[in-house]
């Protein structure tokens, strides 16, 4: 009885998520304070127990299978080898989730790389009724615009497998900049809050599905 009682009081084991490192010259390491800040926000507001220091894993590594959630960002080129493309596809088909946040300039390169990983699938736009916009926080208009660069509307694009969203690509939004330390971009607090809330929705959705 005492052992069972103590077990109930034991803290839940920490979950882990990782940044995806890729080749091609793009800055996979962009926004270094973004993911730790998002993790902290989720742990404080969403009931998660995620390790506040995200790991870094390479696309072709078997280590990606240790993490239920991978995050990828950058401004430039993205290249997957055949082996990396296969590894990423296997990871996602096996239950993993990848969120890619375009830090402006990544989209054309990424779409080419994804064609190698998913030759029979296309990115499709999520409508505003998708559950990812109604997890912990409500976004009735869909993906929020965090930073304005070229006047285009924000888009949440996804790849589905067996009716499950396995990959989310957020573009023309710049969520990651909104997650960074306040001193980096001097965003108003309401803008940062909106970015962090949308990020928390993404993590909550990924962990549930």
Protein backbone atom coordinates (compact mmCIF):
# COMPACT_ATOMS: atom_id res chain seq x y z
CA UNK A 1 0.00 0.00 0.00
CA UNK A 2 2.81 2.42 0.95
CA UNK A 3 4.72 1.57 -2.21
CA UNK A 4 1.66 2.22 -4.35
CA UNK A 5 1.03 5.51 -2.55
CA UNK A 6 4.59 6.67 -3.11
CA UNK A 7 4.36 5.65 -6.75
CA UNK A 8 1.30 7.85 -7.19
CA UNK A 9 3.19 10.80 -5.73
CA UNK A 10 6.21 10.32 -7.98
CA UNK A 11 6.57 12.99 -10.66
CA UNK A 12 5.71 11.99 -14.19
CA UNK A 13 8.76 11.25 -16.35
CA UNK A 14 9.83 14.18 -18.51
CA UNK A 15 8.90 14.07 -22.16
CA UNK A 16 11.46 15.08 -24.75
CA UNK A 17 11.28 16.84 -28.08
CA UNK A 18 14.07 17.63 -30.51
CA UNK A 19 15.26 20.09 -33.15
CA UNK A 20 15.81 18.48 -36.55
CA UNK A 21 19.23 19.12 -38.10
CA UNK A 22 19.31 18.92 -41.89
CA UNK A 23 21.82 19.40 -44.71
CA UNK A 24 21.83 21.83 -47.61
CA UNK A 25 23.22 24.96 -46.00
CA UNK A 26 20.03 26.21 -44.39
CA UNK A 27 20.27 27.51 -40.84
CA UNK A 28 18.57 24.67 -38.97
CA UNK A 29 19.84 26.26 -35.74
CA UNK A 30 17.86 29.52 -36.19
CA UNK A 31 15.86 30.96 -33.28
CA UNK A 32 17.85 29.28 -30.49
CA UNK A 33 15.66 30.59 -27.66
CA UNK A 34 12.36 29.76 -29.39
CA UNK A 35 11.81 26.10 -28.54
CA UNK A 36 12.99 26.32 -24.90
CA UNK A 37 10.58 29.23 -24.36
CA UNK A 38 7.73 27.30 -25.97
CA UNK A 39 8.48 24.25 -23.83
CA UNK A 40 8.45 26.39 -20.70
CA UNK A 41 5.13 27.92 -21.75
CA UNK A 42 3.62 24.47 -22.34
CA UNK A 43 4.86 23.13 -19.02
CA UNK A 44 3.36 26.12 -17.20
CA UNK A 45 0.09 26.36 -19.13
CA UNK A 46 -0.65 23.03 -20.79
CA UNK A 47 0.21 20.45 -18.14
CA UNK A 48 3.15 18.99 -20.05
CA UNK A 49 6.39 17.77 -18.47
CA UNK A 50 8.76 18.35 -21.37
CA UNK A 51 12.50 18.58 -20.76
CA UNK A 52 13.28 22.29 -21.14
CA UNK A 53 16.50 21.57 -23.04
CA UNK A 54 15.52 20.16 -26.44
CA UNK A 55 17.89 17.72 -28.06
CA UNK A 56 19.26 17.99 -31.62
CA UNK A 57 18.91 15.04 -34.00
CA UNK A 58 19.88 14.55 -37.63
CA UNK A 59 17.31 13.56 -40.23
CA UNK A 60 19.03 10.27 -41.02
CA UNK A 61 19.63 9.20 -37.43
CA UNK A 62 17.73 6.39 -35.74
CA UNK A 63 17.59 8.69 -32.70
CA UNK A 64 14.58 10.53 -34.14
CA UNK A 65 12.42 7.57 -33.13
CA UNK A 66 12.99 8.47 -29.47
CA UNK A 67 11.00 11.68 -29.81
CA UNK A 68 7.25 12.02 -30.38
CA UNK A 69 7.72 15.57 -31.68
CA UNK A 70 10.38 17.11 -33.91
CA UNK A 71 10.73 20.80 -34.75
CA UNK A 72 12.46 22.15 -37.83
CA UNK A 73 13.10 25.74 -38.92
CA UNK A 74 15.40 27.93 -41.00
CA UNK A 75 15.61 30.48 -43.80
CA UNK A 76 17.38 28.63 -46.59
CA UNK A 77 18.17 25.43 -48.43
CA UNK A 78 17.04 21.98 -47.29
CA UNK A 79 18.40 18.74 -48.77
CA UNK A 80 17.47 15.17 -47.87
CA UNK A 81 19.45 12.20 -49.13
CA UNK A 82 17.50 9.12 -50.17
CA UNK A 83 18.35 7.48 -46.85
CA UNK A 84 17.33 10.54 -44.86
CA UNK A 85 14.06 10.85 -46.75
CA UNK A 86 13.26 7.21 -46.06
CA UNK A 87 14.17 7.54 -42.37
CA UNK A 88 11.96 10.60 -41.93
CA UNK A 89 9.06 8.96 -43.76
CA UNK A 90 9.33 5.83 -41.61
CA UNK A 91 9.43 7.93 -38.44
CA UNK A 92 6.29 9.86 -39.38
CA UNK A 93 4.40 6.81 -40.62
CA UNK A 94 5.28 5.08 -37.34
CA UNK A 95 3.56 7.71 -35.19
CA UNK A 96 6.00 10.63 -35.05
CA UNK A 97 5.12 14.26 -35.73
CA UNK A 98 7.15 17.01 -37.43
CA UNK A 99 6.43 20.72 -37.18
CA UNK A 100 8.32 22.85 -39.71
CA UNK A 101 8.22 26.61 -39.19
CA UNK A 102 9.36 28.71 -42.14
CA UNK A 103 11.51 31.54 -40.85
CA UNK A 104 10.94 33.18 -44.25
CA UNK A 105 12.85 31.89 -47.28
CA UNK A 106 12.63 28.18 -46.56
CA UNK A 107 9.45 27.23 -48.43
CA UNK A 108 10.69 26.55 -52.00
CA UNK A 109 13.59 24.39 -50.81
CA UNK A 110 11.53 22.53 -48.26
CA UNK A 111 8.80 21.62 -50.71
CA UNK A 112 11.39 20.07 -53.02
CA UNK A 113 12.87 18.05 -50.15
CA UNK A 114 9.43 16.85 -49.06
CA UNK A 115 8.74 15.61 -52.58
CA UNK A 116 11.62 13.18 -52.11
CA UNK A 117 10.31 12.00 -48.74
CA UNK A 118 6.67 11.83 -49.85
CA UNK A 119 6.54 11.36 -53.63
CA UNK A 120 2.88 10.32 -53.52
CA UNK A 121 1.64 13.03 -51.15
CA UNK A 122 1.14 16.79 -51.30
CA UNK A 123 0.98 19.57 -48.75
CA UNK A 124 -2.63 20.54 -48.24
CA UNK A 125 -3.89 23.61 -46.44
CA UNK A 126 -5.64 23.07 -43.13
CA UNK A 127 -8.93 24.88 -42.85
CA UNK A 128 -9.68 27.00 -39.81
CA UNK A 129 -11.94 24.29 -38.36
CA UNK A 130 -9.07 21.84 -38.01
CA UNK A 131 -8.66 20.62 -34.39
CA UNK A 132 -5.14 22.02 -34.18
CA UNK A 133 -6.65 25.51 -33.96
CA UNK A 134 -8.97 24.46 -31.12
CA UNK A 135 -6.81 22.57 -28.65
CA UNK A 136 -5.99 24.58 -25.54
CA UNK A 137 -6.45 27.96 -27.16
CA UNK A 138 -8.94 29.03 -29.82
CA UNK A 139 -7.85 30.45 -33.16
CA UNK A 140 -11.11 30.88 -35.08
CA UNK A 141 -9.27 32.48 -38.00
CA UNK A 142 -6.65 29.77 -38.25
CA UNK A 143 -2.89 30.32 -38.14
CA UNK A 144 -1.98 33.74 -36.69
CA UNK A 145 0.35 36.21 -38.39
CA UNK A 146 3.28 36.97 -36.09
CA UNK A 147 5.73 38.87 -38.30
CA UNK A 148 4.93 40.69 -41.52
CA UNK A 149 7.45 40.39 -44.35
CA UNK A 150 5.72 40.47 -47.70
CA UNK A 151 2.01 40.93 -47.15
CA UNK A 152 1.05 37.30 -47.77
CA UNK A 153 -1.45 35.53 -45.56
CA UNK A 154 -0.25 32.89 -43.08
CA UNK A 155 -0.75 29.27 -44.07
CA UNK A 156 -0.80 26.01 -42.15
CA UNK A 157 -0.05 23.20 -44.59
CA UNK A 158 -0.06 19.52 -43.73
CA UNK A 159 0.77 16.03 -44.90
CA UNK A 160 -1.62 13.28 -43.82
CA UNK A 161 -1.17 9.53 -43.56
CA UNK A 162 -4.13 7.27 -42.86
CA UNK A 163 -6.18 10.33 -41.87
CA UNK A 164 -3.57 11.44 -39.34
CA UNK A 165 -1.75 14.75 -39.62
CA UNK A 166 1.91 13.73 -39.48
CA UNK A 167 3.62 16.90 -40.68
CA UNK A 168 2.67 20.55 -40.20
CA UNK A 169 4.34 23.30 -42.19
CA UNK A 170 3.62 26.84 -40.98
CA UNK A 171 4.60 29.56 -43.44
CA UNK A 172 4.13 33.32 -43.80
CA UNK A 173 3.56 33.41 -40.05
CA UNK A 174 6.95 33.24 -38.29
CA UNK A 175 5.77 31.51 -35.14
CA UNK A 176 9.33 30.78 -34.04
CA UNK A 177 10.27 34.45 -33.91
CA UNK A 178 7.31 34.98 -31.62
CA UNK A 179 8.59 32.27 -29.28
CA UNK A 180 12.03 33.85 -28.90
CA UNK A 181 13.13 35.91 -25.93
CA UNK A 182 11.29 39.27 -25.83
CA UNK A 183 14.55 41.17 -26.33
CA UNK A 184 15.27 39.48 -29.67
CA UNK A 185 12.46 41.06 -31.70
CA UNK A 186 10.83 43.43 -29.21
CA UNK A 187 7.40 42.04 -30.06
CA UNK A 188 4.41 43.32 -28.09
CA UNK A 189 3.42 40.90 -25.35
CA UNK A 190 0.10 40.12 -27.02
CA UNK A 191 1.96 39.04 -30.19
CA UNK A 192 4.32 36.75 -28.26
CA UNK A 193 1.38 35.31 -26.34
CA UNK A 194 -0.48 34.53 -29.54
CA UNK A 195 2.59 32.77 -30.99
CA UNK A 196 3.17 30.74 -27.82
CA UNK A 197 -0.48 29.74 -27.59
CA UNK A 198 -0.49 28.50 -31.18
CA UNK A 199 2.72 26.60 -30.48
CA UNK A 200 1.16 25.01 -27.42
CA UNK A 201 -1.79 23.93 -29.56
CA UNK A 202 0.59 22.24 -32.00
CA UNK A 203 2.39 20.33 -29.26
CA UNK A 204 -0.86 19.36 -27.55
CA UNK A 205 -2.29 18.10 -30.82
CA UNK A 206 0.86 16.11 -31.65
CA UNK A 207 0.98 14.46 -28.23
CA UNK A 208 -2.70 13.48 -28.41
CA UNK A 209 -2.58 12.12 -31.93
